[in-house]
Amino acid sequence: MMNFALLASGSKGNCFLLKDEGTVLQIDCGTTKRYLNECFQALHHTNEETDALLITHDHSDHVSQIKMFNDLNIYSPVEIPDVDTFMVRPLQEFTVGSLQITPLALSHDALNTTGYVIEDGIEKLTYITDTGYLNERYYEMIAGSDYIVMESNHDVEMLMQTRRPQYVKARIYSDQGHLNNDACAEILDHVVTENTKEIILAHISQEGNTREKALETSCRALRHHQGALNPKLIVSAAGQFEMIRKGKNDEESDPGSVSCAVGMECLADCPHL
């Protein structure tokens, strides 16, 4: 049975921790050393417990603290200077302990940006951020994932109203940029099934989006599934520096989180629809 925590998500840093019986994976190691250590302490976790670090790409918000993890087995789609890594390639499966990992080719302005599908023989987790679009050939592969971490970076109208230079807006909106809310919702509409228990909307822009907008857009798309949703499905929208743990998004455990149960029995009353 998988357990996980999203530690940080956004342009200032990214990190995700996944635990299965006997195996611990970490995805990315951005943000600050102090913040990572605080999160690990809160989770009663140490680096020595981690079996492998998976890198999605080499932008600094994903690899800035990689020196902290030099003693780990590091899997990366690109070479990282002065760091020993195992190279990963799209659709070339590999295993770490009890977990089977399938890399997915994404489309971002960093070489060989990669998402991951992780399976333990019972459950499946999909992790996709930093991509301008997702190739439809992957839809069948990720459909029915128990857990989905999916980028919902920006609201197009809000992005265009920011004071960012036009070339930056064009980059973010492009096929080599980031998924907007509508694109994320469209993907979820195709891949979420009754088996899906939890969705985390990730890498949300602090200027060109709000967590409420991201949540509203995806929940509206899921509403069309009617009785085909898991009645206990939870969708959360992640903040930049906020820990979201599996199944825990109440005010006591995650005071800043924005979330909604969108299972069949509560769709009509959902405040985000």
Protein backbone atom coordinates (compact mmCIF):
# COMPACT_ATOMS: atom_id res chain seq x y z
CA MET A 1 0.00 0.00 0.00
CA MET A 2 1.45 3.35 -1.06
CA ASN A 3 1.92 6.30 1.25
CA PHE A 4 3.17 9.67 0.07
CA ALA A 5 3.67 13.34 0.78
CA LEU A 6 4.06 16.27 -1.58
CA LEU A 7 6.57 18.50 0.19
CA ALA A 8 6.88 21.43 -2.23
CA SER A 9 5.43 22.27 -5.62
CA GLY A 10 5.99 25.31 -7.80
CA SER A 11 8.60 27.55 -9.38
CA LYS A 12 10.46 27.94 -6.06
CA GLY A 13 11.00 24.24 -5.47
CA ASN A 14 9.62 20.74 -5.92
CA CYS A 15 9.88 17.53 -3.93
CA PHE A 16 7.72 14.44 -3.49
CA LEU A 17 8.23 11.45 -1.20
CA LEU A 18 6.67 8.02 -1.80
CA LYS A 19 6.79 5.09 0.61
CA ASP A 20 5.73 1.53 -0.08
CA GLU A 21 6.38 -1.50 2.05
CA GLY A 22 10.14 -1.85 2.01
CA THR A 23 10.82 0.86 -0.61
CA VAL A 24 11.13 4.65 -0.41
CA LEU A 25 11.36 6.93 -3.46
CA GLN A 26 11.90 10.66 -3.70
CA ILE A 27 11.03 12.68 -6.80
CA ASP A 28 13.09 15.86 -7.27
CA CYS A 29 14.95 17.85 -4.64
CA GLY A 30 14.33 21.52 -5.26
CA THR A 31 13.56 24.23 -2.64
CA THR A 32 15.92 24.88 0.29
CA LYS A 33 17.94 22.49 2.40
CA ARG A 34 16.36 23.91 5.55
CA TYR A 35 12.83 23.39 4.28
CA LEU A 36 13.53 19.84 3.11
CA ASN A 37 15.04 18.96 6.48
CA GLU A 38 12.03 20.43 8.28
CA CYS A 39 9.69 18.33 6.16
CA PHE A 40 11.73 15.18 6.68
CA GLN A 41 11.71 15.81 10.42
CA ALA A 42 7.93 16.25 10.41
CA LEU A 43 7.63 12.93 8.57
CA HIS A 44 10.18 11.21 10.84
CA HIS A 45 12.16 10.44 7.69
CA THR A 46 15.91 10.40 7.06
CA ASN A 47 17.88 10.33 3.82
CA GLU A 48 19.24 6.92 4.75
CA GLU A 49 15.74 5.47 4.40
CA THR A 50 15.42 6.56 0.77
CA ASP A 51 16.21 3.91 -1.82
CA ALA A 52 16.35 6.19 -4.87
CA LEU A 53 15.92 9.75 -6.06
CA LEU A 54 14.09 10.28 -9.36
CA ILE A 55 14.81 13.50 -11.26
CA THR A 56 12.25 14.94 -13.69
CA HIS A 57 14.60 17.50 -15.32
CA ASP A 58 17.52 19.74 -14.48
CA HIS A 59 15.87 23.10 -13.81
CA SER A 60 17.06 24.44 -10.47
CA ASP A 61 13.64 24.31 -8.82
CA HIS A 62 13.87 20.53 -9.20
CA VAL A 63 17.55 19.78 -8.48
CA SER A 64 18.94 22.63 -6.35
CA GLN A 65 19.66 20.40 -3.35
CA ILE A 66 20.92 17.35 -5.22
CA LYS A 67 24.23 17.42 -3.31
CA MET A 68 22.26 16.44 -0.21
CA PHE A 69 21.52 13.12 -1.87
CA ASN A 70 24.86 12.16 -3.42
CA ASP A 71 24.86 8.89 -1.49
CA LEU A 72 21.58 7.75 -3.04
CA ASN A 73 20.93 5.94 -6.30
CA ILE A 74 19.86 8.81 -8.55
CA TYR A 75 17.83 8.19 -11.71
CA SER A 76 17.76 11.05 -14.20
CA PRO A 77 16.82 11.68 -17.84
CA VAL A 78 19.83 14.01 -18.21
CA GLU A 79 23.41 14.07 -17.03
CA ILE A 80 23.99 16.29 -14.02
CA PRO A 81 27.50 17.71 -13.54
CA ASP A 82 29.51 16.04 -10.76
CA VAL A 83 26.65 13.69 -9.91
CA ASP A 84 26.57 9.98 -10.69
CA THR A 85 23.23 8.96 -12.14
CA PHE A 86 21.45 6.06 -13.76
CA MET A 87 20.02 7.29 -17.06
CA VAL A 88 16.31 6.82 -17.69
CA ARG A 89 14.60 6.75 -21.08
CA PRO A 90 10.91 7.13 -21.99
CA LEU A 91 8.93 3.90 -21.61
CA GLN A 92 12.02 1.92 -20.53
CA GLU A 93 10.77 0.42 -17.27
CA PHE A 94 13.03 -0.15 -14.29
CA THR A 95 12.54 -1.30 -10.74
CA VAL A 96 13.58 0.02 -7.36
CA GLY A 97 12.84 -2.45 -4.62
CA SER A 98 9.16 -3.37 -4.80
CA LEU A 99 8.31 -0.58 -7.23
CA GLN A 100 8.12 -0.65 -11.03
CA ILE A 101 8.76 2.73 -12.62
CA THR A 102 7.86 3.81 -16.14
CA PRO A 103 9.29 7.15 -17.37
CA LEU A 104 7.09 9.30 -19.62
CA ALA A 105 8.46 11.85 -22.11
CA LEU A 106 7.09 15.32 -21.39
CA SER A 107 7.34 18.58 -23.33
CA HIS A 108 9.17 21.36 -21.50
CA ASP A 109 12.00 23.78 -22.20
CA ALA A 110 14.47 21.49 -20.46
CA LEU A 111 16.17 18.53 -22.10
CA ASN A 112 14.36 15.19 -21.74
CA THR A 113 11.86 16.31 -19.10
CA THR A 114 10.24 13.21 -17.65
CA GLY A 115 7.15 12.17 -15.71
CA TYR A 116 6.78 8.88 -13.89
CA VAL A 117 4.22 6.12 -13.46
CA ILE A 118 4.99 4.10 -10.34
CA GLU A 119 3.37 0.74 -9.54
CA ASP A 120 3.72 -1.73 -6.69
CA GLY A 121 1.55 -4.52 -8.11
CA ILE A 122 -1.50 -3.29 -6.23
CA GLU A 123 -1.63 0.48 -6.66
CA LYS A 124 -0.46 2.97 -9.30
CA LEU A 125 0.67 6.57 -8.92
CA THR A 126 1.21 9.03 -11.79
CA TYR A 127 3.44 12.09 -11.36
CA ILE A 128 3.38 14.67 -14.17
CA THR A 129 4.51 18.30 -13.90
CA ASP A 130 6.40 20.76 -16.11
CA THR A 131 4.94 20.00 -19.51
CA GLY A 132 3.17 22.09 -22.13
CA TYR A 133 1.04 19.13 -23.19
CA LEU A 134 0.72 15.39 -22.62
CA ASN A 135 0.85 13.00 -25.55
CA GLU A 136 -2.47 11.18 -25.80
CA ARG A 137 -0.68 7.86 -26.22
CA TYR A 138 -0.03 7.98 -22.48
CA TYR A 139 -3.69 8.31 -21.53
CA GLU A 140 -4.33 4.58 -21.51
CA MET A 141 -1.17 3.96 -19.52
CA ILE A 142 -2.10 6.33 -16.71
CA ALA A 143 -5.88 5.74 -16.79
CA GLY A 144 -7.22 4.42 -13.53
CA SER A 145 -4.23 5.49 -11.45
CA ASP A 146 -5.03 5.29 -7.76
CA TYR A 147 -3.17 8.56 -7.19
CA ILE A 148 -2.42 11.38 -9.63
CA VAL A 149 -0.14 14.39 -9.19
CA MET A 150 -0.84 16.59 -12.22
CA GLU A 151 0.35 20.06 -13.12
CA SER A 152 -2.34 22.75 -13.25
CA ASN A 153 -0.01 25.70 -13.60
CA HIS A 154 -1.97 28.68 -14.82
CA ASP A 155 -5.26 30.22 -15.76
CA VAL A 156 -4.71 31.58 -19.27
CA GLU A 157 -6.54 34.87 -18.69
CA MET A 158 -4.74 35.50 -15.40
CA LEU A 159 -1.38 34.67 -16.98
CA MET A 160 -1.93 37.18 -19.77
CA GLN A 161 -2.85 39.88 -17.25
CA THR A 162 0.38 39.53 -15.27
CA ARG A 163 3.22 42.00 -15.69
CA ARG A 164 5.55 39.34 -17.02
CA PRO A 165 7.22 40.07 -20.38
CA GLN A 166 5.31 38.82 -23.39
CA TYR A 167 8.01 36.30 -24.28
CA VAL A 168 7.73 34.76 -20.81
CA LYS A 169 3.95 34.49 -21.14
CA ALA A 170 4.39 32.89 -24.56
CA ARG A 171 6.90 30.39 -23.16
CA ILE A 172 4.61 29.35 -20.29
CA TYR A 173 1.59 29.00 -22.59
CA SER A 174 3.49 27.10 -25.30
CA ASP A 175 3.75 23.36 -25.89
CA GLN A 176 7.13 23.51 -24.12
CA GLY A 177 5.82 25.39 -21.11
CA HIS A 178 3.29 24.39 -18.48
CA LEU A 179 -0.17 22.84 -18.45
CA ASN A 180 -2.92 25.37 -17.87
CA ASN A 181 -6.01 24.60 -15.80
CA ASP A 182 -8.14 23.62 -18.79
CA ALA A 183 -5.49 21.30 -20.24
CA CYS A 184 -5.04 19.61 -16.87
CA ALA A 185 -8.80 19.16 -16.50
CA GLU A 186 -9.05 17.67 -19.98
CA ILE A 187 -6.38 15.08 -19.18
CA LEU A 188 -8.05 14.18 -15.89
CA ASP A 189 -11.38 13.86 -17.69
CA HIS A 190 -9.81 11.14 -19.85
CA VAL A 191 -7.82 9.22 -17.23
CA VAL A 192 -9.74 9.38 -13.94
CA THR A 193 -11.81 6.28 -13.21
CA GLU A 194 -13.69 4.89 -10.26
CA ASN A 195 -10.35 3.50 -9.11
CA THR A 196 -8.84 6.97 -8.61
CA LYS A 197 -8.69 7.84 -4.91
CA GLU A 198 -6.75 11.08 -4.81
CA ILE A 199 -5.60 13.85 -7.14
CA ILE A 200 -3.15 16.63 -6.29
CA LEU A 201 -3.07 19.63 -8.62
CA ALA A 202 0.54 20.76 -8.64
CA HIS A 203 3.05 23.41 -9.75
CA ILE A 204 0.40 26.13 -9.46
CA SER A 205 1.58 29.60 -10.47
CA GLN A 206 1.53 32.14 -7.67
CA GLU A 207 0.89 35.02 -10.10
CA GLY A 208 -1.01 33.45 -12.98
CA ASN A 209 -3.40 31.22 -11.07
CA THR A 210 -5.13 30.52 -7.80
CA ARG A 211 -5.61 27.18 -6.14
CA GLU A 212 -9.34 27.82 -6.13
CA LYS A 213 -9.39 28.35 -9.90
CA ALA A 214 -7.34 25.21 -10.52
CA LEU A 215 -9.62 23.17 -8.29
CA GLU A 216 -12.79 24.61 -9.78
CA THR A 217 -11.70 23.80 -13.34
CA SER A 218 -10.73 20.19 -12.67
CA CYS A 219 -13.71 19.47 -10.44
CA ARG A 220 -16.08 20.81 -13.08
CA ALA A 221 -14.58 18.40 -15.63
CA LEU A 222 -14.86 15.48 -13.23
CA ARG A 223 -18.46 16.31 -12.50
CA HIS A 224 -19.44 14.88 -15.90
CA HIS A 225 -18.36 11.43 -14.76
CA GLN A 226 -21.43 11.19 -12.53
CA GLY A 227 -21.47 7.72 -10.92
CA ALA A 228 -18.17 6.68 -12.50
CA LEU A 229 -16.16 8.46 -9.79
CA ASN A 230 -14.83 6.93 -6.63
CA PRO A 231 -17.28 8.15 -3.95
CA LYS A 232 -14.33 9.04 -1.70
CA LEU A 233 -12.20 10.78 -4.33
CA ILE A 234 -10.35 13.82 -2.99
CA VAL A 235 -8.84 16.57 -5.14
CA SER A 236 -6.34 18.97 -3.57
CA ALA A 237 -4.60 22.06 -4.94
CA ALA A 238 -1.05 22.35 -3.65
CA GLY A 239 0.62 25.48 -2.36
CA GLN A 240 4.29 26.21 -2.99
CA PHE A 241 5.53 25.45 0.52
CA GLU A 242 2.92 23.11 1.89
CA MET A 243 3.01 19.48 2.77
CA ILE A 244 0.09 17.47 1.46
CA ARG A 245 0.04 13.93 2.79
CA LYS A 246 -1.94 11.06 1.39
CA GLY A 247 -5.57 11.33 2.43
CA LYS A 248 -4.88 14.17 4.86
CA ASN A 249 -6.06 17.59 3.84
CA ASP A 250 -8.09 18.73 6.80
CA GLU A 251 -7.26 22.03 8.46
CA GLU A 252 -5.41 20.39 11.32
CA SER A 253 -3.00 18.37 9.17
CA ASP A 254 -2.59 20.80 6.28
CA PRO A 255 -3.65 24.27 7.41
CA GLY A 256 -3.08 25.97 4.04
CA SER A 257 -4.48 23.38 1.71
CA VAL A 258 -7.38 23.91 -0.64
CA SER A 259 -9.22 20.69 -1.28
CA CYS A 260 -12.58 19.15 -1.98
CA ALA A 261 -14.10 15.71 -1.87
CA VAL A 262 -15.67 15.29 -5.29
CA GLY A 263 -17.16 11.84 -4.97
CA MET A 264 -20.60 11.16 -6.40
CA GLU A 265 -22.58 11.97 -3.28
CA CYS A 266 -21.19 15.49 -2.81
CA LEU A 267 -20.84 16.81 -6.35
CA ALA A 268 -23.99 18.88 -6.19
CA ASP A 269 -22.87 20.67 -3.03
CA CYS A 270 -19.23 21.17 -3.96
CA PRO A 271 -18.31 24.82 -3.21
CA HIS A 272 -15.85 24.84 -6.14
CA LEU A 273 -18.42 23.94 -8.80
